[in-house]
Amino acid sequence: MSELLKIYSFTLKHLHLGSSMLICYTELDFRRFEKLIDEISLPDSLEVLISTSYGLNSIDKVTFSKNLTALHFNAYDIESLDGLIFPPALAALDLQNSRIKNLQGEVFPSTLKRLIVRITDTVDLSKDMYGKSLQLEKLWLKSFESNKLTCTIPTSLQSLRLEYLGPSVFNELGNGLVHLTVASCCLDLRSLKFGSESKLKYFCMSNCSIKTLGMD
């Protein structure tokens, strides 16, 4: 694999590395895919990386190419982002199967615009790695079995999706939020505080256990 990547090191833009869920749970257990991820050197030309290897829980040994703009590790049971250095041009990150307990925005570059992540405890996306306000535009925030989260999300959001959240605590949502989706949640909508000049136009709700629709 490494030799193949060297051949296309100046032209490769999009790379999809995958493995079958069925294979991962057979007696053969092809977890050597994890060793492959650790060993390969990604070409600098690469802009999109999709890796769907079920059952893996770490990407801390991956050295990302500097021109990557989109990363999709949506089948990984990632538990922490500590020690990771994301590429400076990263705009989209998919970690929807993660098991991260506490997520801090300081691990992300200022270029990040779209994030999908699953959290178990707290999330603070107010600042980026440079200490400035994280300018996220789209956030899909998931939890487990209606866990209660403490959430500080950026006021720059235009689209927010909440899924499998229990009664949670939020900061005030920014005035720029246009799309809000609440799915399979057990939260009190009054915990979602909107700015005085809110631009919210679309509100979608499905499969929720909500006692009141009161929203300020």
Protein backbone atom coordinates (compact mmCIF):
# COMPACT_ATOMS: atom_id res chain seq x y z
CA MET A 1 0.00 0.00 0.00
CA SER A 2 2.75 2.44 0.92
CA GLU A 3 4.50 1.79 -2.40
CA LEU A 4 1.28 2.42 -4.30
CA LEU A 5 0.78 5.75 -2.55
CA LYS A 6 4.31 6.78 -3.46
CA ILE A 7 3.53 6.25 -7.14
CA TYR A 8 0.59 8.68 -6.95
CA SER A 9 2.13 11.01 -4.38
CA PHE A 10 1.86 14.06 -6.66
CA THR A 11 -1.62 13.52 -8.12
CA LEU A 12 -3.82 11.63 -5.63
CA LYS A 13 -6.68 13.82 -4.36
CA HIS A 14 -9.26 11.41 -2.92
CA LEU A 15 -8.53 8.20 -0.96
CA HIS A 16 -11.08 5.75 0.44
CA LEU A 17 -9.73 3.01 2.72
CA GLY A 18 -12.37 0.59 3.93
CA SER A 19 -13.01 -2.77 5.52
CA SER A 20 -16.12 -4.86 6.00
CA MET A 21 -17.94 -4.98 9.33
CA LEU A 22 -18.59 -8.67 8.72
CA ILE A 23 -14.89 -9.39 8.24
CA CYS A 24 -13.97 -7.56 11.46
CA TYR A 25 -16.08 -9.94 13.52
CA THR A 26 -14.94 -13.20 11.97
CA GLU A 27 -12.31 -15.43 13.55
CA LEU A 28 -9.77 -14.12 11.05
CA ASP A 29 -10.30 -10.57 12.34
CA PHE A 30 -8.52 -8.41 9.77
CA ARG A 31 -7.32 -5.78 12.24
CA ARG A 32 -4.11 -5.57 10.27
CA PHE A 33 -5.90 -2.65 8.65
CA GLU A 34 -5.05 -0.73 11.81
CA LYS A 35 -1.36 -1.48 11.27
CA LEU A 36 -1.71 -0.26 7.70
CA ILE A 37 -3.18 3.07 8.84
CA ASP A 38 -0.30 3.53 11.28
CA GLU A 39 2.38 2.82 8.71
CA ILE A 40 1.28 4.61 5.56
CA SER A 41 2.54 8.05 4.68
CA LEU A 42 -0.22 10.08 3.07
CA PRO A 43 0.78 12.09 -0.02
CA ASP A 44 0.71 15.89 0.24
CA SER A 45 -1.61 16.06 -2.77
CA LEU A 46 -4.40 14.31 -0.83
CA GLU A 47 -7.46 16.48 -0.11
CA VAL A 48 -10.11 13.95 1.00
CA LEU A 49 -9.53 10.87 3.19
CA ILE A 50 -12.32 8.41 4.01
CA SER A 51 -11.52 5.48 6.28
CA THR A 52 -14.26 3.06 7.33
CA SER A 53 -12.60 0.37 9.41
CA TYR A 54 -15.03 -0.88 12.04
CA GLY A 55 -13.88 -1.50 15.59
CA LEU A 56 -10.76 0.69 15.61
CA ASN A 57 -10.53 3.29 18.36
CA SER A 58 -7.45 5.36 17.60
CA ILE A 59 -5.97 7.52 14.86
CA ASP A 60 -3.24 9.08 16.99
CA LYS A 61 -0.42 7.65 14.86
CA VAL A 62 -1.70 8.99 11.56
CA THR A 63 0.30 11.83 10.01
CA PHE A 64 -2.12 13.84 7.91
CA SER A 65 -1.08 15.51 4.68
CA LYS A 66 -1.11 19.29 4.95
CA ASN A 67 -3.60 19.83 2.11
CA LEU A 68 -6.39 17.64 3.52
CA THR A 69 -9.70 19.49 3.64
CA ALA A 70 -12.04 16.59 4.54
CA LEU A 71 -11.58 13.67 6.94
CA HIS A 72 -14.16 10.92 7.42
CA PHE A 73 -13.46 8.42 10.21
CA ASN A 74 -17.15 7.67 10.65
CA ALA A 75 -16.80 4.00 11.63
CA TYR A 76 -14.11 4.45 14.29
CA ASP A 77 -14.80 4.13 18.04
CA ILE A 78 -12.40 6.99 18.75
CA GLU A 79 -12.22 7.83 22.45
CA SER A 80 -9.89 10.83 22.46
CA LEU A 81 -8.36 13.43 20.15
CA ASP A 82 -5.49 14.19 22.52
CA GLY A 83 -2.16 14.48 20.72
CA LEU A 84 -3.70 14.71 17.25
CA ILE A 85 -2.50 17.44 14.93
CA PHE A 86 -5.14 18.12 12.31
CA PRO A 87 -4.15 19.55 8.91
CA PRO A 88 -4.25 23.37 8.74
CA ALA A 89 -6.72 23.41 5.82
CA LEU A 90 -9.26 21.00 7.36
CA ALA A 91 -12.83 22.12 6.60
CA ALA A 92 -14.93 18.98 7.27
CA LEU A 93 -14.55 16.25 9.93
CA ASP A 94 -16.80 13.21 10.43
CA LEU A 95 -16.40 11.28 13.71
CA GLN A 96 -20.01 10.20 14.11
CA ASN A 97 -19.23 6.82 15.69
CA SER A 98 -16.75 8.24 18.21
CA ARG A 99 -16.92 7.77 21.99
CA ILE A 100 -15.26 10.98 23.06
CA LYS A 101 -15.95 11.98 26.67
CA ASN A 102 -14.80 15.60 26.61
CA LEU A 103 -14.22 17.54 23.40
CA GLN A 104 -12.40 20.87 23.27
CA GLY A 105 -12.37 23.07 20.19
CA GLU A 106 -8.71 23.89 20.80
CA VAL A 107 -7.73 20.75 18.85
CA PHE A 108 -9.24 22.13 15.61
CA PRO A 109 -7.82 24.60 13.08
CA SER A 110 -9.65 27.83 12.32
CA THR A 111 -10.64 26.50 8.88
CA LEU A 112 -13.05 23.85 10.25
CA LYS A 113 -16.61 24.53 9.04
CA ARG A 114 -18.46 21.18 9.31
CA LEU A 115 -18.26 18.71 12.21
CA ILE A 116 -20.06 15.45 13.00
CA VAL A 117 -19.16 13.96 16.39
CA ARG A 118 -20.54 11.79 19.19
CA ILE A 119 -19.88 12.91 22.78
CA THR A 120 -20.62 11.34 26.17
CA ASP A 121 -20.12 14.21 28.62
CA THR A 122 -19.03 17.75 27.69
CA VAL A 123 -18.28 19.69 24.53
CA ASP A 124 -16.76 23.18 24.30
CA LEU A 125 -16.35 24.44 20.75
CA SER A 126 -16.01 28.11 21.60
CA LYS A 127 -12.31 28.44 20.68
CA ASP A 128 -10.02 27.03 17.98
CA MET A 129 -6.39 25.94 18.32
CA TYR A 130 -5.26 29.56 18.08
CA GLY A 131 -7.52 30.76 20.90
CA LYS A 132 -9.89 32.53 18.51
CA SER A 133 -13.62 31.89 18.10
CA LEU A 134 -14.19 28.65 16.19
CA GLN A 135 -16.14 29.54 13.04
CA LEU A 136 -18.13 26.34 12.60
CA GLU A 137 -21.09 26.58 10.22
CA LYS A 138 -22.59 23.09 10.51
CA LEU A 139 -22.59 20.84 13.60
CA TRP A 140 -24.14 17.39 14.05
CA LEU A 141 -23.89 16.51 17.73
CA LYS A 142 -24.73 12.97 18.87
CA SER A 143 -24.69 11.21 22.23
CA PHE A 144 -25.58 7.79 23.69
CA GLU A 145 -28.98 6.72 25.00
CA SER A 146 -30.05 10.27 25.83
CA ASN A 147 -27.00 11.23 27.88
CA LYS A 148 -27.06 14.65 29.52
CA LEU A 149 -24.44 16.90 27.94
CA THR A 150 -22.93 20.24 28.85
CA CYS A 151 -22.53 22.07 25.55
CA THR A 152 -20.75 25.26 24.59
CA ILE A 153 -21.22 25.59 20.86
CA PRO A 154 -20.02 28.37 18.55
CA THR A 155 -22.38 31.25 17.83
CA SER A 156 -21.30 31.14 14.17
CA LEU A 157 -23.47 28.06 13.47
CA GLN A 158 -25.91 28.14 10.57
CA SER A 159 -27.06 24.53 10.92
CA LEU A 160 -27.34 22.38 14.07
CA ARG A 161 -28.51 18.78 14.43
CA LEU A 162 -28.93 17.19 17.88
CA GLU A 163 -29.38 13.44 18.15
CA TYR A 164 -29.82 11.06 21.14
CA LEU A 165 -29.41 13.80 23.74
CA GLY A 166 -31.02 13.81 27.17
CA PRO A 167 -31.73 16.95 29.25
CA SER A 168 -28.68 19.06 28.40
CA VAL A 169 -27.22 22.49 29.14
CA PHE A 170 -26.46 24.87 26.26
CA ASN A 171 -25.04 28.33 25.87
CA GLU A 172 -27.05 30.88 23.87
CA LEU A 173 -27.30 29.93 20.21
CA GLY A 174 -26.07 32.53 17.75
CA ASN A 175 -28.36 34.75 15.72
CA GLY A 176 -27.07 33.18 12.50
CA LEU A 177 -28.65 29.75 13.10
CA VAL A 178 -31.06 28.97 10.24
CA HIS A 179 -31.57 25.18 10.44
CA LEU A 180 -32.25 23.25 13.66
CA THR A 181 -32.95 19.50 13.79
CA VAL A 182 -33.73 17.59 16.99
CA ALA A 183 -33.96 13.81 16.58
CA SER A 184 -34.44 11.00 19.14
CA CYS A 185 -33.86 13.40 22.04
CA CYS A 186 -35.35 13.73 25.53
CA LEU A 187 -34.42 17.34 26.15
CA ASP A 188 -36.43 20.37 27.22
CA LEU A 189 -36.57 22.75 24.27
CA ARG A 190 -36.43 25.64 26.72
CA SER A 191 -32.76 24.76 27.23
CA LEU A 192 -32.14 26.00 23.67
CA LYS A 193 -31.74 29.75 24.04
CA PHE A 194 -31.96 31.87 20.92
CA GLY A 195 -30.57 35.34 20.39
CA SER A 196 -32.84 38.37 20.25
CA GLU A 197 -32.25 38.63 16.49
CA SER A 198 -32.48 34.92 15.70
CA LYS A 199 -32.70 34.05 11.99
CA LEU A 200 -34.06 30.52 12.58
CA LYS A 201 -36.24 29.46 9.62
CA TYR A 202 -36.33 25.66 9.70
CA PHE A 203 -37.03 23.53 12.76
CA CYS A 204 -37.34 19.74 12.32
CA MET A 205 -38.17 17.36 15.18
CA SER A 206 -38.60 13.58 15.05
CA ASN A 207 -38.87 10.63 17.46
CA CYS A 208 -38.45 12.84 20.54
CA SER A 209 -39.74 12.55 24.10
CA ILE A 210 -40.53 16.18 24.78
CA LYS A 211 -43.16 17.31 27.29
CA THR A 212 -43.34 20.93 26.23
CA LEU A 213 -42.73 22.92 23.08
CA GLY A 214 -42.13 26.12 25.00
CA MET A 215 -39.27 28.01 23.37
CA ASP A 216 -38.04 31.49 24.25
